[in-house]
C-alpha atoms as a PDB file:
ATOM      1  CA  UNK A   1     -68.735-123.231-120.491  1.00  0.00           C
ATOM      2  CA  UNK A   2     -70.906-120.411-120.788  1.00  0.00           C
ATOM      3  CA  UNK A   3     -67.866-117.952-121.456  1.00  0.00           C
ATOM      4  CA  UNK A   4     -66.626-119.993-124.562  1.00  0.00           C
ATOM      5  CA  UNK A   5     -70.200-119.883-125.833  1.00  0.00           C
ATOM      6  CA  UNK A   6     -70.718-116.022-125.426  1.00  0.00           C
ATOM      7  CA  UNK A   7     -70.728-113.751-128.260  1.00  0.00           C
ATOM      8  CA  UNK A   8     -69.137-111.002-126.191  1.00  0.00           C
ATOM      9  CA  UNK A   9     -67.991-111.161-122.555  1.00  0.00           C
ATOM     10  CA  UNK A  10     -67.828-107.727-120.756  1.00  0.00           C
ATOM     11  CA  UNK A  11     -65.476-107.537-117.842  1.00  0.00           C
ATOM     12  CA  UNK A  12     -64.682-104.839-115.095  1.00  0.00           C
ATOM     13  CA  UNK A  13     -61.077-104.438-115.770  1.00  0.00           C
ATOM     14  CA  UNK A  14     -58.008-105.197-118.079  1.00  0.00           C
ATOM     15  CA  UNK A  15     -56.792-107.496-115.599  1.00  0.00           C
ATOM     16  CA  UNK A  16     -60.002-109.528-115.202  1.00  0.00           C
ATOM     17  CA  UNK A  17     -60.140-109.646-118.914  1.00  0.00           C
ATOM     18  CA  UNK A  18     -56.574-111.050-119.321  1.00  0.00           C
ATOM     19  CA  UNK A  19     -57.048-113.460-116.656  1.00  0.00           C
ATOM     20  CA  UNK A  20     -60.358-114.896-118.307  1.00  0.00           C
ATOM     21  CA  UNK A  21     -58.724-115.193-121.706  1.00  0.00           C
ATOM     22  CA  UNK A  22     -55.795-117.081-119.989  1.00  0.00           C
ATOM     23  CA  UNK A  23     -57.774-119.424-117.865  1.00  0.00           C
ATOM     24  CA  UNK A  24     -60.594-120.289-120.193  1.00  0.00           C
ATOM     25  CA  UNK A  25     -58.808-119.878-123.407  1.00  0.00           C
ATOM     26  CA  UNK A  26     -61.036-117.183-124.925  1.00  0.00           C
ATOM     27  CA  UNK A  27     -60.777-115.262-128.073  1.00  0.00           C
ATOM     28  CA  UNK A  28     -59.499-112.011-127.128  1.00  0.00           C
ATOM     29  CA  UNK A  29     -61.575-110.146-129.666  1.00  0.00           C
ATOM     30  CA  UNK A  30     -64.793-111.151-127.918  1.00  0.00           C
ATOM     31  CA  UNK A  31     -63.711-110.030-124.618  1.00  0.00           C
ATOM     32  CA  UNK A  32     -64.182-106.373-123.718  1.00  0.00           C
ATOM     33  CA  UNK A  33     -62.893-104.579-120.650  1.00  0.00           C
ATOM     34  CA  UNK A  34     -65.573-101.899-119.740  1.00  0.00           C
ATOM     35  CA  UNK A  35     -64.372-100.723-116.470  1.00  0.00           C
ATOM     36  CA  UNK A  36     -66.653 -99.805-113.512  1.00  0.00           C
ATOM     37  CA  UNK A  37     -69.489 -97.413-113.490  1.00  0.00           C
ATOM     38  CA  UNK A  38     -69.458 -95.080-110.425  1.00  0.00           C
ATOM     39  CA  UNK A  39     -72.836 -93.809-109.190  1.00  0.00           C
ATOM     40  CA  UNK A  40     -71.598 -90.526-107.816  1.00  0.00           C
ATOM     41  CA  UNK A  41     -71.079 -87.484-110.037  1.00  0.00           C
ATOM     42  CA  UNK A  42     -69.599 -84.040-109.430  1.00  0.00           C
ATOM     43  CA  UNK A  43     -72.515 -81.498-108.913  1.00  0.00           C
ATOM     44  CA  UNK A  44     -74.918 -84.047-107.317  1.00  0.00           C
ATOM     45  CA  UNK A  45     -74.395 -82.923-103.716  1.00  0.00           C
ATOM     46  CA  UNK A  46     -76.968 -81.680-101.672  1.00  0.00           C
ATOM     47  CA  UNK A  47     -76.235 -78.555 -99.368  1.00  0.00           C
ATOM     48  CA  UNK A  48     -79.170 -79.996 -97.067  1.00  0.00           C
ATOM     49  CA  UNK A  49     -77.116 -83.027 -95.861  1.00  0.00           C
ATOM     50  CA  UNK A  50     -75.309 -82.552 -92.512  1.00  0.00           C
ATOM     51  CA  UNK A  51     -73.676 -84.703 -90.199  1.00  0.00           C
ATOM     52  CA  UNK A  52     -72.590 -84.339 -86.543  1.00  0.00           C
ATOM     53  CA  UNK A  53     -68.640 -83.915 -87.004  1.00  0.00           C
ATOM     54  CA  UNK A  54     -68.847 -81.663 -90.117  1.00  0.00           C
ATOM     55  CA  UNK A  55     -65.804 -79.325 -90.121  1.00  0.00           C
ATOM     56  CA  UNK A  56     -63.572 -82.015 -88.326  1.00  0.00           C
ATOM     57  CA  UNK A  57     -60.755 -83.387 -90.085  1.00  0.00           C
ATOM     58  CA  UNK A  58     -61.695 -86.994 -90.974  1.00  0.00           C
ATOM     59  CA  UNK A  59     -60.839 -89.886 -93.213  1.00  0.00           C
ATOM     60  CA  UNK A  60     -63.369 -92.271 -94.967  1.00  0.00           C
ATOM     61  CA  UNK A  61     -63.645 -95.787 -95.351  1.00  0.00           C
ATOM     62  CA  UNK A  62     -66.633 -97.042 -97.200  1.00  0.00           C
ATOM     63  CA  UNK A  63     -66.975-100.683 -97.112  1.00  0.00           C
ATOM     64  CA  UNK A  64     -69.148-103.367 -95.861  1.00  0.00           C
ATOM     65  CA  UNK A  65     -68.071-105.331 -92.561  1.00  0.00           C
ATOM     66  CA  UNK A  66     -66.473-108.375 -94.406  1.00  0.00           C
ATOM     67  CA  UNK A  67     -63.165-109.824 -92.896  1.00  0.00           C
ATOM     68  CA  UNK A  68     -61.535-109.289 -96.357  1.00  0.00           C
ATOM     69  CA  UNK A  69     -62.329-105.405 -96.217  1.00  0.00           C
ATOM     70  CA  UNK A  70     -59.397-105.369 -93.500  1.00  0.00           C
ATOM     71  CA  UNK A  71     -60.651-102.799 -91.214  1.00  0.00           C
ATOM     72  CA  UNK A  72     -58.519-103.886 -88.581  1.00  0.00           C
ATOM     73  CA  UNK A  73     -55.441-102.652 -90.546  1.00  0.00           C
ATOM     74  CA  UNK A  74     -57.059 -99.158 -90.233  1.00  0.00           C
ATOM     75  CA  UNK A  75     -57.595 -99.364 -86.743  1.00  0.00           C
ATOM     76  CA  UNK A  76     -53.946-100.191 -86.242  1.00  0.00           C
ATOM     77  CA  UNK A  77     -53.079 -97.340 -88.358  1.00  0.00           C
ATOM     78  CA  UNK A  78     -55.140 -94.973 -86.275  1.00  0.00           C
ATOM     79  CA  UNK A  79     -53.428 -96.083 -82.981  1.00  0.00           C
ATOM     80  CA  UNK A  80     -50.284 -94.902 -84.380  1.00  0.00           C
ATOM     81  CA  UNK A  81     -51.435 -91.947 -86.430  1.00  0.00           C
ATOM     82  CA  UNK A  82     -53.623 -90.382 -83.653  1.00  0.00           C
ATOM     83  CA  UNK A  83     -50.602 -90.018 -81.272  1.00  0.00           C
ATOM     84  CA  UNK A  84     -49.518 -87.119 -83.625  1.00  0.00           C
ATOM     85  CA  UNK A  85     -52.871 -86.209 -85.063  1.00  0.00           C
ATOM     86  CA  UNK A  86     -55.306 -86.674 -82.261  1.00  0.00           C
ATOM     87  CA  UNK A  87     -57.959 -84.343 -83.885  1.00  0.00           C
ATOM     88  CA  UNK A  88     -58.439 -86.675 -86.964  1.00  0.00           C
ATOM     89  CA  UNK A  89     -61.445 -89.161 -87.079  1.00  0.00           C
ATOM     90  CA  UNK A  90     -61.612 -92.152 -89.395  1.00  0.00           C
ATOM     91  CA  UNK A  91     -65.476 -92.911 -90.521  1.00  0.00           C
ATOM     92  CA  UNK A  92     -66.593 -96.440 -91.347  1.00  0.00           C
ATOM     93  CA  UNK A  93     -69.753 -96.792 -93.437  1.00  0.00           C
ATOM     94  CA  UNK A  94     -71.353 -99.989 -94.667  1.00  0.00           C
ATOM     95  CA  UNK A  95     -73.636-102.718 -93.737  1.00  0.00           C
ATOM     96  CA  UNK A  96     -72.647-105.538 -91.168  1.00  0.00           C
ATOM     97  CA  UNK A  97     -71.756-108.859 -93.042  1.00  0.00           C
ATOM     98  CA  UNK A  98     -70.996-110.573 -89.777  1.00  0.00           C
ATOM     99  CA  UNK A  99     -67.591-108.717 -88.793  1.00  0.00           C
ATOM    100  CA  UNK A 100     -68.838-105.594 -87.216  1.00  0.00           C
ATOM    101  CA  UNK A 101     -68.910-106.906 -83.591  1.00  0.00           C
ATOM    102  CA  UNK A 102     -65.367-107.697 -83.795  1.00  0.00           C
ATOM    103  CA  UNK A 103     -64.352-104.415 -85.424  1.00  0.00           C
ATOM    104  CA  UNK A 104     -66.336-102.653 -82.361  1.00  0.00           C
ATOM    105  CA  UNK A 105     -64.235-104.655 -79.931  1.00  0.00           C
ATOM    106  CA  UNK A 106     -61.102-103.735 -81.565  1.00  0.00           C
ATOM    107  CA  UNK A 107     -61.797-100.181 -81.610  1.00  0.00           C
ATOM    108  CA  UNK A 108     -62.654-100.304 -77.828  1.00  0.00           C
ATOM    109  CA  UNK A 109     -59.605-102.339 -76.952  1.00  0.00           C
ATOM    110  CA  UNK A 110     -57.556 -99.629 -78.904  1.00  0.00           C
ATOM    111  CA  UNK A 111     -59.226 -96.935 -76.996  1.00  0.00           C
ATOM    112  CA  UNK A 112     -60.167 -95.241 -80.153  1.00  0.00           C
ATOM    113  CA  UNK A 113     -63.894 -94.750 -79.591  1.00  0.00           C
ATOM    114  CA  UNK A 114     -63.686 -90.867 -79.982  1.00  0.00           C
ATOM    115  CA  UNK A 115     -61.621 -91.161 -83.147  1.00  0.00           C
ATOM    116  CA  UNK A 116     -63.160 -94.089 -85.118  1.00  0.00           C
ATOM    117  CA  UNK A 117     -67.067 -93.531 -85.926  1.00  0.00           C
ATOM    118  CA  UNK A 118     -69.084 -96.245 -87.276  1.00  0.00           C
ATOM    119  CA  UNK A 119     -72.112 -94.919 -89.350  1.00  0.00           C
ATOM    120  CA  UNK A 120     -73.293 -98.172 -90.780  1.00  0.00           C
ATOM    121  CA  UNK A 121     -75.185 -98.314 -93.928  1.00  0.00           C
ATOM    122  CA  UNK A 122     -75.661 -94.677 -95.215  1.00  0.00           C
ATOM    123  CA  UNK A 123     -77.748 -93.427 -98.230  1.00  0.00           C
ATOM    124  CA  UNK A 124     -75.915 -92.119-101.487  1.00  0.00           C
ATOM    125  CA  UNK A 125     -76.489 -88.385-100.725  1.00  0.00           C
ATOM    126  CA  UNK A 126     -74.877 -88.648 -97.379  1.00  0.00           C
ATOM    127  CA  UNK A 127     -71.941 -90.910 -98.598  1.00  0.00           C
ATOM    128  CA  UNK A 128     -71.322 -88.323-101.307  1.00  0.00           C
ATOM    129  CA  UNK A 129     -71.328 -85.412 -98.578  1.00  0.00           C
ATOM    130  CA  UNK A 130     -68.942 -87.598 -96.596  1.00  0.00           C
ATOM    131  CA  UNK A 131     -66.625 -88.529 -99.507  1.00  0.00           C
ATOM    132  CA  UNK A 132     -66.569 -84.734-100.626  1.00  0.00           C
ATOM    133  CA  UNK A 133     -65.688 -83.442 -97.141  1.00  0.00           C
ATOM    134  CA  UNK A 134     -63.281 -86.213 -96.214  1.00  0.00           C
ATOM    135  CA  UNK A 135     -59.618 -85.325 -96.064  1.00  0.00           C
ATOM    136  CA  UNK A 136     -59.198 -88.750 -97.941  1.00  0.00           C
ATOM    137  CA  UNK A 137     -60.689 -92.081 -98.696  1.00  0.00           C
ATOM    138  CA  UNK A 138     -58.736 -94.886 -97.244  1.00  0.00           C
ATOM    139  CA  UNK A 139     -59.328 -98.369 -99.226  1.00  0.00           C
ATOM    140  CA  UNK A 140     -57.614-101.137 -97.717  1.00  0.00           C
ATOM    141  CA  UNK A 141     -59.614-104.260 -99.171  1.00  0.00           C
ATOM    142  CA  UNK A 142     -57.766-107.456 -99.706  1.00  0.00           C
ATOM    143  CA  UNK A 143     -59.767-108.047-102.745  1.00  0.00           C
ATOM    144  CA  UNK A 144     -59.328-106.289-106.152  1.00  0.00           C
ATOM    145  CA  UNK A 145     -58.392-105.122-108.509  1.00  0.00           C
ATOM    146  CA  UNK A 146     -61.542-103.202-109.247  1.00  0.00           C
ATOM    147  CA  UNK A 147     -63.446-101.149-106.358  1.00  0.00           C
ATOM    148  CA  UNK A 148     -66.023 -98.362-106.920  1.00  0.00           C
ATOM    149  CA  UNK A 149     -65.118 -96.032-103.859  1.00  0.00           C
ATOM    150  CA  UNK A 150     -61.645 -94.956-105.018  1.00  0.00           C
ATOM    151  CA  UNK A 151     -62.933 -94.003-108.395  1.00  0.00           C
ATOM    152  CA  UNK A 152     -66.056 -92.301-106.867  1.00  0.00           C
ATOM    153  CA  UNK A 153     -63.702 -90.184-104.457  1.00  0.00           C
ATOM    154  CA  UNK A 154     -61.470 -89.083-107.601  1.00  0.00           C
ATOM    155  CA  UNK A 155     -64.544 -87.997-109.344  1.00  0.00           C
ATOM    156  CA  UNK A 156     -65.501 -85.834-106.516  1.00  0.00           C
ATOM    157  CA  UNK A 157     -61.788 -84.666-105.977  1.00  0.00           C
ATOM    158  CA  UNK A 158     -61.072 -86.398-102.900  1.00  0.00           C
ATOM    159  CA  UNK A 159     -57.598 -88.041-102.673  1.00  0.00           C
ATOM    160  CA  UNK A 160     -57.231 -91.378-102.031  1.00  0.00           C
ATOM    161  CA  UNK A 161     -54.880 -94.040-100.521  1.00  0.00           C
ATOM    162  CA  UNK A 162     -55.232 -97.590-101.795  1.00  0.00           C
ATOM    163  CA  UNK A 163     -53.341-100.943-101.114  1.00  0.00           C
ATOM    164  CA  UNK A 164     -51.837-102.206-104.193  1.00  0.00           C
ATOM    165  CA  UNK A 165     -53.347-105.678-104.203  1.00  0.00           C
ATOM    166  CA  UNK A 166     -56.978-104.380-104.629  1.00  0.00           C
ATOM    167  CA  UNK A 167     -56.137-101.423-107.026  1.00  0.00           C
ATOM    168  CA  UNK A 168     -55.532-100.750-110.784  1.00  0.00           C
ATOM    169  CA  UNK A 169     -54.765 -97.156-110.184  1.00  0.00           C
ATOM    170  CA  UNK A 170     -51.272 -95.894-110.779  1.00  0.00           C
ATOM    171  CA  UNK A 171     -49.417 -94.072-107.893  1.00  0.00           C
ATOM    172  CA  UNK A 172     -49.671 -90.555-108.588  1.00  0.00           C
ATOM    173  CA  UNK A 173     -49.834 -88.259-105.653  1.00  0.00           C
ATOM    174  CA  UNK A 174     -49.811 -85.113-107.934  1.00  0.00           C
ATOM    175  CA  UNK A 175     -53.243 -86.112-108.942  1.00  0.00           C
ATOM    176  CA  UNK A 176     -54.405 -87.484-105.724  1.00  0.00           C
ATOM    177  CA  UNK A 177     -53.681 -91.303-105.708  1.00  0.00           C
ATOM    178  CA  UNK A 178     -51.350 -92.824-103.158  1.00  0.00           C
ATOM    179  CA  UNK A 179     -50.741 -96.620-103.669  1.00  0.00           C
ATOM    180  CA  UNK A 180     -49.327 -98.322-100.463  1.00  0.00           C
ATOM    181  CA  UNK A 181     -48.034-101.720 -99.859  1.00  0.00           C
ATOM    182  CA  UNK A 182     -50.440-104.427 -98.543  1.00  0.00           C
ATOM    183  CA  UNK A 183     -50.915-104.799 -94.686  1.00  0.00           C
ATOM    184  CA  UNK A 184     -48.014-102.253 -94.244  1.00  0.00           C
ATOM    185  CA  UNK A 185     -48.825 -99.716 -91.470  1.00  0.00           C
ATOM    186  CA  UNK A 186     -45.755 -97.776 -92.052  1.00  0.00           C
ATOM    187  CA  UNK A 187     -46.414 -97.569 -95.760  1.00  0.00           C
ATOM    188  CA  UNK A 188     -49.942 -96.231 -94.916  1.00  0.00           C
ATOM    189  CA  UNK A 189     -48.734 -93.928 -92.399  1.00  0.00           C
ATOM    190  CA  UNK A 190     -46.097 -92.289 -94.798  1.00  0.00           C
ATOM    191  CA  UNK A 191     -48.711 -91.726 -97.438  1.00  0.00           C
ATOM    192  CA  UNK A 192     -51.378 -90.159 -95.222  1.00  0.00           C
ATOM    193  CA  UNK A 193     -48.611 -87.692 -93.833  1.00  0.00           C
ATOM    194  CA  UNK A 194     -48.055 -86.798 -97.289  1.00  0.00           C
ATOM    195  CA  UNK A 195     -51.650 -86.550 -98.347  1.00  0.00           C
ATOM    196  CA  UNK A 196     -52.510 -84.185 -95.260  1.00  0.00           C
ATOM    197  CA  UNK A 197     -49.533 -82.039 -96.045  1.00  0.00           C
ATOM    198  CA  UNK A 198     -50.614 -81.779 -99.681  1.00  0.00           C
ATOM    199  CA  UNK A 199     -53.479 -79.576-101.349  1.00  0.00           C
ATOM    200  CA  UNK A 200     -56.382 -81.431-102.710  1.00  0.00           C
ATOM    201  CA  UNK A 201     -56.066 -82.304-106.413  1.00  0.00           C
ATOM    202  CA  UNK A 202     -57.003 -79.159-108.522  1.00  0.00           C
ATOM    203  CA  UNK A 203     -58.429 -81.509-111.282  1.00  0.00           C
ATOM    204  CA  UNK A 204     -61.389 -83.708-110.621  1.00  0.00           C
ATOM    205  CA  UNK A 205     -61.581 -87.199-112.493  1.00  0.00           C
ATOM    206  CA  UNK A 206     -64.070 -87.234-115.358  1.00  0.00           C
ATOM    207  CA  UNK A 207     -66.425 -90.259-115.633  1.00  0.00           C
ATOM    208  CA  UNK A 208     -64.555 -91.061-118.738  1.00  0.00           C
ATOM    209  CA  UNK A 209     -61.242 -91.346-116.868  1.00  0.00           C
ATOM    210  CA  UNK A 210     -62.759 -93.767-114.469  1.00  0.00           C
ATOM    211  CA  UNK A 211     -64.076 -96.120-117.077  1.00  0.00           C
ATOM    212  CA  UNK A 212     -62.438 -97.672-120.023  1.00  0.00           C
ATOM    213  CA  UNK A 213     -65.619 -97.737-122.037  1.00  0.00           C
ATOM    214  CA  UNK A 214     -69.138 -95.999-122.065  1.00  0.00           C
ATOM    215  CA  UNK A 215     -72.245 -97.938-122.031  1.00  0.00           C
ATOM    216  CA  UNK A 216     -72.830 -96.738-125.521  1.00  0.00           C
ATOM    217  CA  UNK A 217     -69.643 -98.118-126.717  1.00  0.00           C
ATOM    218  CA  UNK A 218     -70.273-101.284-125.164  1.00  0.00           C
ATOM    219  CA  UNK A 219     -73.695-101.543-126.873  1.00  0.00           C
ATOM    220  CA  UNK A 220     -72.216-100.587-130.219  1.00  0.00           C
ATOM    221  CA  UNK A 221     -69.578-103.374-129.759  1.00  0.00           C
ATOM    222  CA  UNK A 222     -72.006-105.979-129.033  1.00  0.00           C
ATOM    223  CA  UNK A 223     -74.423-104.976-131.997  1.00  0.00           C
ATOM    224  CA  UNK A 224     -71.440-105.282-134.288  1.00  0.00           C
END
């Protein structure tokens, strides 16, 4: 067992840390929860990056096209949401991992070609611009609890709606975080309606808030 022989085990969250300690009977003093390390940072935005629908209201879901990323839930959400909010768009970014053709068919069948736009893989600069410009990031992956996009959005001052099972964030609408029930369209609609009627968070998350430990702190612990 590599874990039991390791001097230090570094994990991505407190949940992962506790799970490893329980499953592998590890010494808790040797298992650290370092958090994730978002690649975006406030102030890194290039004013030269533009996109076709700039200025229009939209939500963003940055996720590769795997089945567990649950794009279908957002298509069902948009079918209902767009009845009352036809001007809103939903942007999907991410590489195809086998599920993209099915998602395209679902969008056509729902007659949402004008409301759901697939950009595929985009470079970090454009993703940062999209994330900053979005009304909100909707993150509905079935796997978690750690995912980078919600943290990156909060660092950029963009509110997020996340499903409970993939999230280690606390429900805190005042600071731009809505946690909704898994696979619940009604819960998602209620949260998004509240989001679009609220002001964007006045305070952006700091890098430290998005991580439990810095790289320097991890190295110090390993060295000691």
